[in-house]
């Protein structure tokens, strides 16, 4: 159930849940409340992320792991990075 709720909460700001903005705002807020997750700050940050997606120095939600950063990291941290990126 929580996976469905998070999907609905994620879809509401994209206008893919309903054509009515008020319905999307209400559903997004209620879903977020049920997950104890603040909807408006997330929506604001997510919109900023999509405005700058994959711009190395401007995207606020993603940044690459640079080779020198990776090489200087502990082995366990590197394993976590590999796991998160799906290389394992």
PDB file of N, CA and C in Angstrom:
ATOM      1  N   UNK A   1       0.825  -1.198   0.000  1.00  0.00           N
ATOM      2  CA  UNK A   1       0.000   0.000   0.000  1.00  0.00           C
ATOM      3  C   UNK A   1       0.867   1.258   0.000  1.00  0.00           C
ATOM      4  N   UNK A   2       1.959   1.262   0.802  1.00  0.00           N
ATOM      5  CA  UNK A   2       2.777   2.469   0.856  1.00  0.00           C
ATOM      6  C   UNK A   2       3.453   2.743  -0.481  1.00  0.00           C
ATOM      7  N   UNK A   3       3.743   1.698  -1.264  1.00  0.00           N
ATOM      8  CA  UNK A   3       4.332   1.896  -2.595  1.00  0.00           C
ATOM      9  C   UNK A   3       3.326   2.610  -3.495  1.00  0.00           C
ATOM     10  N   UNK A   4       2.049   2.203  -3.441  1.00  0.00           N
ATOM     11  CA  UNK A   4       1.020   2.877  -4.233  1.00  0.00           C
ATOM     12  C   UNK A   4       0.891   4.332  -3.820  1.00  0.00           C
ATOM     13  N   UNK A   5       0.896   4.584  -2.530  1.00  0.00           N
ATOM     14  CA  UNK A   5       0.769   5.956  -2.036  1.00  0.00           C
ATOM     15  C   UNK A   5       1.936   6.817  -2.488  1.00  0.00           C
ATOM     16  N   UNK A   6       3.132   6.289  -2.405  1.00  0.00           N
ATOM     17  CA  UNK A   6       4.271   7.092  -2.836  1.00  0.00           C
ATOM     18  C   UNK A   6       4.228   7.333  -4.338  1.00  0.00           C
ATOM     19  N   UNK A   7       3.722   6.383  -5.118  1.00  0.00           N
ATOM     20  CA  UNK A   7       3.565   6.596  -6.561  1.00  0.00           C
ATOM     21  C   UNK A   7       2.538   7.682  -6.842  1.00  0.00           C
ATOM     22  N   UNK A   8       1.421   7.652  -6.125  1.00  0.00           N
ATOM     23  CA  UNK A   8       0.409   8.691  -6.302  1.00  0.00           C
ATOM     24  C   UNK A   8       0.972  10.055  -5.909  1.00  0.00           C
ATOM     25  N   UNK A   9       1.678  10.093  -4.796  1.00  0.00           N
ATOM     26  CA  UNK A   9       2.281  11.347  -4.351  1.00  0.00           C
ATOM     27  C   UNK A   9       3.299  11.861  -5.347  1.00  0.00           C
ATOM     28  N   UNK A  10       4.006  10.963  -5.995  1.00  0.00           N
ATOM     29  CA  UNK A  10       5.000  11.344  -6.996  1.00  0.00           C
ATOM     30  C   UNK A  10       4.315  11.812  -8.280  1.00  0.00           C
ATOM     31  N   UNK A  11       3.207  11.175  -8.665  1.00  0.00           N
ATOM     32  CA  UNK A  11       2.533  11.509  -9.918  1.00  0.00           C
ATOM     33  C   UNK A  11       1.727  12.799  -9.848  1.00  0.00           C
ATOM     34  N   UNK A  12       1.243  13.161  -8.685  1.00  0.00           N
ATOM     35  CA  UNK A  12       0.387  14.344  -8.576  1.00  0.00           C
ATOM     36  C   UNK A  12       1.060  15.630  -9.079  1.00  0.00           C
ATOM     37  N   UNK A  13       2.293  15.946  -8.735  1.00  0.00           N
ATOM     38  CA  UNK A  13       2.892  17.174  -9.266  1.00  0.00           C
ATOM     39  C   UNK A  13       3.113  17.146 -10.776  1.00  0.00           C
ATOM     40  N   UNK A  14       3.100  15.972 -11.391  1.00  0.00           N
ATOM     41  CA  UNK A  14       3.311  15.868 -12.834  1.00  0.00           C
ATOM     42  C   UNK A  14       2.033  16.031 -13.631  1.00  0.00           C
ATOM     43  N   UNK A  15       0.934  16.219 -12.959  1.00  0.00           N
ATOM     44  CA  UNK A  15      -0.379  16.335 -13.614  1.00  0.00           C
ATOM     45  C   UNK A  15      -0.726  15.048 -14.367  1.00  0.00           C
ATOM     46  N   UNK A  16      -0.257  13.926 -13.849  1.00  0.00           N
ATOM     47  CA  UNK A  16      -0.573  12.646 -14.486  1.00  0.00           C
ATOM     48  C   UNK A  16      -1.566  11.837 -13.661  1.00  0.00           C
ATOM     49  N   UNK A  17      -1.953  12.371 -12.499  1.00  0.00           N
ATOM     50  CA  UNK A  17      -2.938  11.690 -11.659  1.00  0.00           C
ATOM     51  C   UNK A  17      -4.343  12.153 -12.029  1.00  0.00           C
ATOM     52  N   UNK A  18      -4.494  13.450 -12.282  1.00  0.00           N
ATOM     53  CA  UNK A  18      -5.783  14.034 -12.620  1.00  0.00           C
ATOM     54  C   UNK A  18      -5.541  15.274 -13.467  1.00  0.00           C
ATOM     55  N   UNK A  19      -6.539  15.664 -14.230  1.00  0.00           N
ATOM     56  CA  UNK A  19      -6.412  16.896 -15.015  1.00  0.00           C
ATOM     57  C   UNK A  19      -6.751  18.116 -14.160  1.00  0.00           C
ATOM     58  N   UNK A  20      -7.288  17.882 -12.977  1.00  0.00           N
ATOM     59  CA  UNK A  20      -7.694  18.957 -12.084  1.00  0.00           C
ATOM     60  C   UNK A  20      -6.577  19.218 -11.073  1.00  0.00           C
ATOM     61  N   UNK A  21      -6.005  20.425 -11.107  1.00  0.00           N
ATOM     62  CA  UNK A  21      -4.886  20.749 -10.214  1.00  0.00           C
ATOM     63  C   UNK A  21      -5.290  20.678  -8.748  1.00  0.00           C
ATOM     64  N   UNK A  22      -6.500  21.112  -8.424  1.00  0.00           N
ATOM     65  CA  UNK A  22      -6.950  21.065  -7.030  1.00  0.00           C
ATOM     66  C   UNK A  22      -7.011  19.620  -6.533  1.00  0.00           C
ATOM     67  N   UNK A  23      -7.541  18.719  -7.368  1.00  0.00           N
ATOM     68  CA  UNK A  23      -7.600  17.299  -6.996  1.00  0.00           C
ATOM     69  C   UNK A  23      -6.188  16.772  -6.772  1.00  0.00           C
ATOM     70  N   UNK A  24      -5.283  17.119  -7.665  1.00  0.00           N
ATOM     71  CA  UNK A  24      -3.905  16.647  -7.517  1.00  0.00           C
ATOM     72  C   UNK A  24      -3.249  17.205  -6.258  1.00  0.00           C
ATOM     73  N   UNK A  25      -3.478  18.466  -5.959  1.00  0.00           N
ATOM     74  CA  UNK A  25      -2.907  19.054  -4.743  1.00  0.00           C
ATOM     75  C   UNK A  25      -3.467  18.379  -3.495  1.00  0.00           C
ATOM     76  N   UNK A  26      -4.778  18.142  -3.478  1.00  0.00           N
ATOM     77  CA  UNK A  26      -5.411  17.513  -2.305  1.00  0.00           C
ATOM     78  C   UNK A  26      -4.924  16.076  -2.153  1.00  0.00           C
ATOM     79  N   UNK A  27      -4.967  15.301  -3.239  1.00  0.00           N
ATOM     80  CA  UNK A  27      -4.532  13.902  -3.166  1.00  0.00           C
ATOM     81  C   UNK A  27      -3.048  13.829  -2.809  1.00  0.00           C
ATOM     82  N   UNK A  28      -2.222  14.657  -3.442  1.00  0.00           N
ATOM     83  CA  UNK A  28      -0.790  14.666  -3.130  1.00  0.00           C
ATOM     84  C   UNK A  28      -0.523  14.985  -1.670  1.00  0.00           C
ATOM     85  N   UNK A  29      -1.258  15.956  -1.126  1.00  0.00           N
ATOM     86  CA  UNK A  29      -1.084  16.327   0.280  1.00  0.00           C
ATOM     87  C   UNK A  29      -1.562  15.213   1.205  1.00  0.00           C
ATOM     88  N   UNK A  30      -2.734  14.634   0.929  1.00  0.00           N
ATOM     89  CA  UNK A  30      -3.251  13.560   1.781  1.00  0.00           C
ATOM     90  C   UNK A  30      -2.353  12.326   1.749  1.00  0.00           C
ATOM     91  N   UNK A  31      -1.876  11.980   0.562  1.00  0.00           N
ATOM     92  CA  UNK A  31      -0.970  10.835   0.440  1.00  0.00           C
ATOM     93  C   UNK A  31       0.309  11.103   1.212  1.00  0.00           C
ATOM     94  N   UNK A  32       0.843  12.296   1.076  1.00  0.00           N
ATOM     95  CA  UNK A  32       2.072  12.647   1.784  1.00  0.00           C
ATOM     96  C   UNK A  32       1.871  12.621   3.291  1.00  0.00           C
ATOM     97  N   UNK A  33       0.715  13.099   3.739  1.00  0.00           N
ATOM     98  CA  UNK A  33       0.425  13.059   5.180  1.00  0.00           C
ATOM     99  C   UNK A  33       0.365  11.621   5.679  1.00  0.00           C
ATOM    100  N   UNK A  34      -0.233  10.740   4.876  1.00  0.00           N
ATOM    101  CA  UNK A  34      -0.338   9.337   5.311  1.00  0.00           C
ATOM    102  C   UNK A  34       1.036   8.680   5.400  1.00  0.00           C
ATOM    103  N   UNK A  35       2.010   9.201   4.650  1.00  0.00           N
ATOM    104  CA  UNK A  35       3.375   8.667   4.680  1.00  0.00           C
ATOM    105  C   UNK A  35       4.281   9.459   5.620  1.00  0.00           C
ATOM    106  N   UNK A  36       3.697  10.459   6.286  1.00  0.00           N
ATOM    107  CA  UNK A  36       4.433  11.366   7.172  1.00  0.00           C
ATOM    108  C   UNK A  36       5.611  11.981   6.403  1.00  0.00           C
ATOM    109  N   UNK A  37       5.271  12.545   5.253  1.00  0.00           N
ATOM    110  CA  UNK A  37       6.271  13.125   4.373  1.00  0.00           C
ATOM    111  C   UNK A  37       5.748  14.474   3.890  1.00  0.00           C
ATOM    112  N   UNK A  38       6.532  15.542   4.007  1.00  0.00           N
ATOM    113  CA  UNK A  38       6.032  16.867   3.615  1.00  0.00           C
ATOM    114  C   UNK A  38       5.930  17.017   2.094  1.00  0.00           C
ATOM    115  N   UNK A  39       4.731  17.265   1.596  1.00  0.00           N
ATOM    116  CA  UNK A  39       4.488  17.319   0.160  1.00  0.00           C
ATOM    117  C   UNK A  39       5.067  18.571  -0.498  1.00  0.00           C
ATOM    118  N   UNK A  40       4.789  19.736   0.036  1.00  0.00           N
ATOM    119  CA  UNK A  40       5.199  20.974  -0.627  1.00  0.00           C
ATOM    120  C   UNK A  40       6.714  21.128  -0.745  1.00  0.00           C
ATOM    121  N   UNK A  41       7.487  20.912   0.330  1.00  0.00           N
ATOM    122  CA  UNK A  41       8.936  21.019   0.160  1.00  0.00           C
ATOM    123  C   UNK A  41       9.481  20.011  -0.855  1.00  0.00           C
ATOM    124  N   UNK A  42       8.936  18.784  -0.840  1.00  0.00           N
ATOM    125  CA  UNK A  42       9.387  17.783  -1.809  1.00  0.00           C
ATOM    126  C   UNK A  42       9.051  18.227  -3.222  1.00  0.00           C
ATOM    127  N   UNK A  43       7.823  18.711  -3.419  1.00  0.00           N
ATOM    128  CA  UNK A  43       7.403  19.128  -4.755  1.00  0.00           C
ATOM    129  C   UNK A  43       8.284  20.269  -5.267  1.00  0.00           C
ATOM    130  N   UNK A  44       8.581  21.219  -4.400  1.00  0.00           N
ATOM    131  CA  UNK A  44       9.438  22.338  -4.781  1.00  0.00           C
ATOM    132  C   UNK A  44      10.831  21.842  -5.196  1.00  0.00           C
ATOM    133  N   UNK A  45      11.412  20.974  -4.355  1.00  0.00           N
ATOM    134  CA  UNK A  45      12.753  20.456  -4.651  1.00  0.00           C
ATOM    135  C   UNK A  45      12.737  19.587  -5.911  1.00  0.00           C
ATOM    136  N   UNK A  46      11.703  18.783  -6.066  1.00  0.00           N
ATOM    137  CA  UNK A  46      11.606  17.898  -7.227  1.00  0.00           C
ATOM    138  C   UNK A  46      11.458  18.704  -8.516  1.00  0.00           C
ATOM    139  N   UNK A  47      10.678  19.786  -8.466  1.00  0.00           N
ATOM    140  CA  UNK A  47      10.540  20.651  -9.637  1.00  0.00           C
ATOM    141  C   UNK A  47      11.879  21.290  -9.999  1.00  0.00           C
ATOM    142  N   UNK A  48      12.629  21.718  -9.000  1.00  0.00           N
ATOM    143  CA  UNK A  48      13.958  22.297  -9.252  1.00  0.00           C
ATOM    144  C   UNK A  48      14.881  21.251  -9.857  1.00  0.00           C
ATOM    145  N   UNK A  49      14.796  20.023  -9.378  1.00  0.00           N
ATOM    146  CA  UNK A  49      15.610  18.930  -9.923  1.00  0.00           C
ATOM    147  C   UNK A  49      15.302  18.728 -11.409  1.00  0.00           C
ATOM    148  N   UNK A  50      14.018  18.676 -11.755  1.00  0.00           N
ATOM    149  CA  UNK A  50      13.660  18.444 -13.148  1.00  0.00           C
ATOM    150  C   UNK A  50      13.993  19.623 -14.049  1.00  0.00           C
ATOM    151  N   UNK A  51      14.078  20.804 -13.493  1.00  0.00           N
ATOM    152  CA  UNK A  51      14.476  21.966 -14.292  1.00  0.00           C
ATOM    153  C   UNK A  51      15.963  21.905 -14.644  1.00  0.00           C
ATOM    154  N   UNK A  52      16.742  21.191 -13.827  1.00  0.00           N
ATOM    155  CA  UNK A  52      18.200  21.121 -14.026  1.00  0.00           C
ATOM    156  C   UNK A  52      18.707  19.686 -14.115  1.00  0.00           C
ATOM    157  N   UNK A  53      17.878  18.761 -14.544  1.00  0.00           N
ATOM    158  CA  UNK A  53      18.243  17.351 -14.569  1.00  0.00           C
ATOM    159  C   UNK A  53      19.547  17.113 -15.333  1.00  0.00           C
ATOM    160  N   UNK A  54      20.463  16.408 -14.679  1.00  0.00           N
ATOM    161  CA  UNK A  54      21.746  15.992 -15.236  1.00  0.00           C
ATOM    162  C   UNK A  54      22.697  17.140 -15.581  1.00  0.00           C
ATOM    163  N   UNK A  55      22.415  18.341 -15.093  1.00  0.00           N
ATOM    164  CA  UNK A  55      23.373  19.433 -15.218  1.00  0.00           C
ATOM    165  C   UNK A  55      24.323  19.287 -14.036  1.00  0.00           C
ATOM    166  N   UNK A  56      25.560  18.919 -14.312  1.00  0.00           N
ATOM    167  CA  UNK A  56      26.487  18.467 -13.276  1.00  0.00           C
ATOM    168  C   UNK A  56      26.575  19.361 -12.056  1.00  0.00           C
ATOM    169  N   UNK A  57      26.595  20.665 -12.232  1.00  0.00           N
ATOM    170  CA  UNK A  57      26.802  21.550 -11.091  1.00  0.00           C
ATOM    171  C   UNK A  57      25.517  22.206 -10.620  1.00  0.00           C
ATOM    172  N   UNK A  58      24.406  21.956 -11.293  1.00  0.00           N
ATOM    173  CA  UNK A  58      23.160  22.633 -10.943  1.00  0.00           C
ATOM    174  C   UNK A  58      22.060  21.701 -10.454  1.00  0.00           C
ATOM    175  N   UNK A  59      22.110  20.420 -10.805  1.00  0.00           N
ATOM    176  CA  UNK A  59      21.091  19.466 -10.372  1.00  0.00           C
ATOM    177  C   UNK A  59      21.228  19.264  -8.866  1.00  0.00           C
ATOM    178  N   UNK A  60      20.139  19.508  -8.129  1.00  0.00           N
ATOM    179  CA  UNK A  60      20.209  19.430  -6.669  1.00  0.00           C
ATOM    180  C   UNK A  60      19.969  18.020  -6.136  1.00  0.00           C
ATOM    181  N   UNK A  61      19.528  17.096  -6.982  1.00  0.00           N
ATOM    182  CA  UNK A  61      19.198  15.757  -6.504  1.00  0.00           C
ATOM    183  C   UNK A  61      20.182  14.690  -6.939  1.00  0.00           C
ATOM    184  N   UNK A  62      21.056  15.010  -7.844  1.00  0.00           N
ATOM    185  CA  UNK A  62      21.976  14.002  -8.364  1.00  0.00           C
ATOM    186  C   UNK A  62      23.313  14.655  -8.665  1.00  0.00           C
ATOM    187  N   UNK A  63      24.370  13.962  -8.345  1.00  0.00           N
ATOM    188  CA  UNK A  63      25.690  14.391  -8.782  1.00  0.00           C
ATOM    189  C   UNK A  63      26.542  13.151  -9.006  1.00  0.00           C
ATOM    190  N   UNK A  64      27.432  13.210  -9.959  1.00  0.00           N
ATOM    191  CA  UNK A  64      28.244  12.031 -10.246  1.00  0.00           C
ATOM    192  C   UNK A  64      29.262  11.780  -9.141  1.00  0.00           C
ATOM    193  N   UNK A  65      29.711  10.552  -9.057  1.00  0.00           N
ATOM    194  CA  UNK A  65      30.820  10.221  -8.169  1.00  0.00           C
ATOM    195  C   UNK A  65      32.078  10.318  -9.028  1.00  0.00           C
ATOM    196  N   UNK A  66      32.898  11.302  -8.727  1.00  0.00           N
ATOM    197  CA  UNK A  66      34.105  11.526  -9.502  1.00  0.00           C
ATOM    198  C   UNK A  66      35.134  10.440  -9.221  1.00  0.00           C
ATOM    199  N   UNK A  67      35.991  10.126 -10.179  1.00  0.00           N
ATOM    200  CA  UNK A  67      36.969   9.060 -10.049  1.00  0.00           C
ATOM    201  C   UNK A  67      37.885   9.272  -8.850  1.00  0.00           C
ATOM    202  N   UNK A  68      38.389  10.490  -8.656  1.00  0.00           N
ATOM    203  CA  UNK A  68      39.286  10.723  -7.512  1.00  0.00           C
ATOM    204  C   UNK A  68      38.540  10.578  -6.186  1.00  0.00           C
ATOM    205  N   UNK A  69      37.264  10.959  -6.165  1.00  0.00           N
ATOM    206  CA  UNK A  69      36.449  10.764  -4.965  1.00  0.00           C
ATOM    207  C   UNK A  69      36.250   9.272  -4.696  1.00  0.00           C
ATOM    208  N   UNK A  70      35.962   8.513  -5.749  1.00  0.00           N
ATOM    209  CA  UNK A  70      35.764   7.079  -5.623  1.00  0.00           C
ATOM    210  C   UNK A  70      37.053   6.394  -5.174  1.00  0.00           C
ATOM    211  N   UNK A  71      38.170   6.753  -5.801  1.00  0.00           N
ATOM    212  CA  UNK A  71      39.456   6.124  -5.476  1.00  0.00           C
ATOM    213  C   UNK A  71      39.905   6.397  -4.048  1.00  0.00           C
ATOM    214  N   UNK A  72      39.525   7.556  -3.502  1.00  0.00           N
ATOM    215  CA  UNK A  72      39.961   7.902  -2.151  1.00  0.00           C
ATOM    216  C   UNK A  72      38.972   7.457  -1.068  1.00  0.00           C
ATOM    217  N   UNK A  73      37.866   6.829  -1.467  1.00  0.00           N
ATOM    218  CA  UNK A  73      36.851   6.392  -0.511  1.00  0.00           C
ATOM    219  C   UNK A  73      37.187   5.017   0.048  1.00  0.00           C
ATOM    220  N   UNK A  74      36.705   4.725   1.263  1.00  0.00           N
ATOM    221  CA  UNK A  74      36.907   3.386   1.836  1.00  0.00           C
ATOM    222  C   UNK A  74      36.214   2.316   0.986  1.00  0.00           C
ATOM    223  N   UNK A  75      36.711   1.098   1.075  1.00  0.00           N
ATOM    224  CA  UNK A  75      36.207  -0.010   0.266  1.00  0.00           C
ATOM    225  C   UNK A  75      34.711  -0.218   0.478  1.00  0.00           C
ATOM    226  N   UNK A  76      34.239  -0.153   1.722  1.00  0.00           N
ATOM    227  CA  UNK A  76      32.816  -0.366   1.997  1.00  0.00           C
ATOM    228  C   UNK A  76      31.976   0.712   1.322  1.00  0.00           C
ATOM    229  N   UNK A  77      32.424   1.948   1.372  1.00  0.00           N
ATOM    230  CA  UNK A  77      31.688   3.028   0.723  1.00  0.00           C
ATOM    231  C   UNK A  77      31.640   2.809  -0.790  1.00  0.00           C
ATOM    232  N   UNK A  78      32.731   2.360  -1.378  1.00  0.00           N
ATOM    233  CA  UNK A  78      32.754   2.078  -2.810  1.00  0.00           C
ATOM    234  C   UNK A  78      31.783   0.952  -3.167  1.00  0.00           C
ATOM    235  N   UNK A  79      31.702  -0.054  -2.302  1.00  0.00           N
ATOM    236  CA  UNK A  79      30.752  -1.154  -2.536  1.00  0.00           C
ATOM    237  C   UNK A  79      29.323  -0.624  -2.510  1.00  0.00           C
ATOM    238  N   UNK A  80      29.041   0.282  -1.588  1.00  0.00           N
ATOM    239  CA  UNK A  80      27.700   0.881  -1.514  1.00  0.00           C
ATOM    240  C   UNK A  80      27.423   1.694  -2.775  1.00  0.00           C
ATOM    241  N   UNK A  81      28.387   2.457  -3.230  1.00  0.00           N
ATOM    242  CA  UNK A  81      28.219   3.244  -4.461  1.00  0.00           C
ATOM    243  C   UNK A  81      27.932   2.309  -5.632  1.00  0.00           C
ATOM    244  N   UNK A  82      28.682   1.225  -5.760  1.00  0.00           N
ATOM    245  CA  UNK A  82      28.458   0.266  -6.837  1.00  0.00           C
ATOM    246  C   UNK A  82      27.061  -0.325  -6.737  1.00  0.00           C
ATOM    247  N   UNK A  83      26.641  -0.691  -5.520  1.00  0.00           N
ATOM    248  CA  UNK A  83      25.331  -1.287  -5.323  1.00  0.00           C
ATOM    249  C   UNK A  83      24.234  -0.299  -5.708  1.00  0.00           C
ATOM    250  N   UNK A  84      24.354   0.953  -5.293  1.00  0.00           N
ATOM    251  CA  UNK A  84      23.346   1.959  -5.606  1.00  0.00           C
ATOM    252  C   UNK A  84      23.254   2.229  -7.095  1.00  0.00           C
ATOM    253  N   UNK A  85      24.377   2.167  -7.790  1.00  0.00           N
ATOM    254  CA  UNK A  85      24.372   2.428  -9.234  1.00  0.00           C
ATOM    255  C   UNK A  85      24.001   1.204 -10.048  1.00  0.00           C
ATOM    256  N   UNK A  86      23.853   0.066  -9.367  1.00  0.00           N
ATOM    257  CA  UNK A  86      23.390  -1.135 -10.037  1.00  0.00           C
ATOM    258  C   UNK A  86      24.479  -1.924 -10.763  1.00  0.00           C
ATOM    259  N   UNK A  87      25.720  -1.784 -10.314  1.00  0.00           N
ATOM    260  CA  UNK A  87      26.806  -2.522 -10.970  1.00  0.00           C
ATOM    261  C   UNK A  87      26.992  -3.913 -10.407  1.00  0.00           C
ATOM    262  N   UNK A  88      26.367  -4.237  -9.272  1.00  0.00           N
ATOM    263  CA  UNK A  88      26.522  -5.558  -8.693  1.00  0.00           C
ATOM    264  C   UNK A  88      25.453  -6.506  -9.177  1.00  0.00           C
TER     265      UNK A  88
END
